């Protein structure tokens, strides 16, 4: 339990540090609809992408969420695997430079080992136009 708390704290500190950088831009998704996944994607061209989501559907056994960075006119690039908590909340930070051609961030349900390309229709697509 102590180990998990320490890892969780490190993750939260990394997310807060990312949020406070002046170059970080944000886009929200899922507003207005009844019970969709909703949340915020924050993008920093130098530091990475942070996804803060709520209302994510519970995953079937053997499945995991995978985030994708989608370049304009290109194939989605895998950007890490994550599991929501039992309430459907998730925070997922991908560190590293973000290609300026990235036009959207998406999340799909994938096999536990992850996929090289989305195998299901994304449940989240956050367009990054104008960031």
Protein backbone atom coordinates (compact mmCIF):
# COMPACT_ATOMS: atom_id res chain seq x y z
CA UNK A 1 0.00 0.00 0.00
CA UNK A 2 2.78 2.44 0.90
CA UNK A 3 4.51 1.68 -2.41
CA UNK A 4 1.34 2.44 -4.37
CA UNK A 5 0.81 5.73 -2.50
CA UNK A 6 4.38 6.80 -3.24
CA UNK A 7 3.99 5.99 -6.96
CA UNK A 8 0.64 7.79 -7.01
CA UNK A 9 2.16 10.87 -5.35
CA UNK A 10 5.01 10.93 -7.87
CA UNK A 11 2.46 10.74 -10.71
CA UNK A 12 0.40 13.59 -9.26
CA UNK A 13 3.51 15.74 -8.74
CA UNK A 14 4.58 15.10 -12.36
CA UNK A 15 1.09 16.07 -13.57
CA UNK A 16 1.05 19.28 -11.51
CA UNK A 17 4.52 20.25 -12.74
CA UNK A 18 3.30 19.69 -16.32
CA UNK A 19 0.12 21.75 -15.71
CA UNK A 20 2.11 24.70 -14.42
CA UNK A 21 4.35 25.07 -17.47
CA UNK A 22 3.38 28.19 -19.43
CA UNK A 23 3.53 26.41 -22.82
CA UNK A 24 0.91 23.82 -21.81
CA UNK A 25 -2.37 24.15 -23.78
CA UNK A 26 -5.64 22.43 -22.95
CA UNK A 27 -8.64 21.02 -24.80
CA UNK A 28 -11.73 19.45 -23.19
CA UNK A 29 -13.88 16.60 -24.50
CA UNK A 30 -17.26 15.02 -23.72
CA UNK A 31 -19.09 18.21 -22.68
CA UNK A 32 -22.87 18.29 -22.90
CA UNK A 33 -23.59 14.61 -23.61
CA UNK A 34 -25.27 12.42 -20.98
CA UNK A 35 -22.72 9.91 -19.66
CA UNK A 36 -19.75 10.01 -22.03
CA UNK A 37 -16.14 9.86 -21.01
CA UNK A 38 -15.17 13.47 -20.37
CA UNK A 39 -12.12 15.36 -19.29
CA UNK A 40 -9.18 17.37 -20.48
CA UNK A 41 -6.15 16.80 -22.66
CA UNK A 42 -3.20 19.09 -21.98
CA UNK A 43 -0.45 19.31 -24.56
CA UNK A 44 3.00 20.81 -24.20
CA UNK A 45 5.09 20.60 -27.40
CA UNK A 46 8.30 20.21 -25.36
CA UNK A 47 7.09 18.10 -22.43
CA UNK A 48 4.34 15.74 -23.58
CA UNK A 49 0.63 15.07 -23.22
CA UNK A 50 -1.48 14.76 -20.08
CA UNK A 51 -4.92 13.12 -20.16
CA UNK A 52 -7.26 13.69 -17.21
CA UNK A 53 -10.46 11.69 -17.79
CA UNK A 54 -13.59 10.73 -15.88
CA UNK A 55 -16.60 8.57 -16.65
CA UNK A 56 -14.49 5.97 -18.50
CA UNK A 57 -16.45 2.70 -18.89
CA UNK A 58 -15.20 -0.25 -16.83
CA UNK A 59 -12.91 -2.46 -18.90
CA UNK A 60 -13.66 -6.11 -19.65
CA UNK A 61 -11.12 -8.63 -18.36
CA UNK A 62 -7.95 -8.73 -20.46
CA UNK A 63 -8.47 -5.22 -21.87
CA UNK A 64 -6.75 -1.88 -21.23
CA UNK A 65 -7.06 1.71 -22.45
CA UNK A 66 -4.45 2.90 -24.94
CA UNK A 67 -3.82 6.55 -25.81
CA UNK A 68 -2.97 7.61 -29.37
CA UNK A 69 -1.41 10.73 -30.86
CA UNK A 70 -2.91 11.24 -34.31
CA UNK A 71 -0.86 13.30 -36.78
CA UNK A 72 -2.61 15.23 -39.58
CA UNK A 73 -3.15 12.73 -42.36
CA UNK A 74 -1.06 10.05 -40.65
CA UNK A 75 -1.50 6.80 -38.74
CA UNK A 76 -2.21 6.98 -34.98
CA UNK A 77 0.94 6.63 -32.85
CA UNK A 78 0.69 4.60 -29.60
CA UNK A 79 1.11 6.81 -26.51
CA UNK A 80 0.92 4.39 -23.60
CA UNK A 81 -1.46 2.12 -21.73
CA UNK A 82 -3.49 2.96 -18.62
CA UNK A 83 -6.24 1.64 -16.36
CA UNK A 84 -8.91 3.86 -14.79
CA UNK A 85 -9.72 3.56 -11.10
CA UNK A 86 -12.98 1.76 -10.13
CA UNK A 87 -14.91 5.06 -10.50
CA UNK A 88 -13.73 5.49 -14.13
CA UNK A 89 -11.17 8.23 -13.44
CA UNK A 90 -7.71 8.25 -14.99
CA UNK A 91 -4.64 10.46 -15.23
CA UNK A 92 -2.15 9.48 -17.93
CA UNK A 93 1.03 11.49 -18.62
CA UNK A 94 3.21 10.82 -21.66
CA UNK A 95 6.56 12.59 -21.42
CA UNK A 96 8.59 13.78 -24.40
CA UNK A 97 8.28 16.20 -27.30
CA UNK A 98 4.98 16.23 -29.18
CA UNK A 99 5.09 16.45 -32.97
CA UNK A 100 3.61 19.77 -34.13
CA UNK A 101 1.63 17.82 -36.76
CA UNK A 102 -0.40 16.04 -34.04
CA UNK A 103 -4.02 16.94 -34.76
CA UNK A 104 -5.82 14.85 -32.11
CA UNK A 105 -5.43 12.68 -29.05
CA UNK A 106 -7.59 9.55 -28.88
CA UNK A 107 -8.23 6.68 -26.45
CA UNK A 108 -9.41 3.20 -27.42
CA UNK A 109 -9.97 -0.15 -25.67
CA UNK A 110 -7.19 -2.59 -26.57
CA UNK A 111 -5.86 -6.01 -25.53
CA UNK A 112 -3.90 -5.86 -22.24
CA UNK A 113 -0.56 -6.00 -24.08
CA UNK A 114 -1.47 -2.94 -26.16
CA UNK A 115 -1.72 -2.61 -29.95
CA UNK A 116 0.41 -1.03 -32.66
CA UNK A 117 -2.75 0.56 -34.15
CA UNK A 118 -6.25 1.01 -32.72
CA UNK A 119 -8.34 -2.19 -32.98
CA UNK A 120 -11.58 -0.58 -31.76
CA UNK A 121 -13.34 2.72 -32.40
CA UNK A 122 -11.84 5.31 -30.01
CA UNK A 123 -14.12 6.25 -27.10
CA UNK A 124 -12.36 9.61 -26.79
CA UNK A 125 -11.14 11.87 -29.59
CA UNK A 126 -9.89 15.31 -28.58
CA UNK A 127 -9.02 17.51 -31.60
CA UNK A 128 -6.02 19.76 -31.01
CA UNK A 129 -6.75 22.29 -33.74
CA UNK A 130 -5.13 25.62 -33.07
CA UNK A 131 -2.94 24.55 -30.15
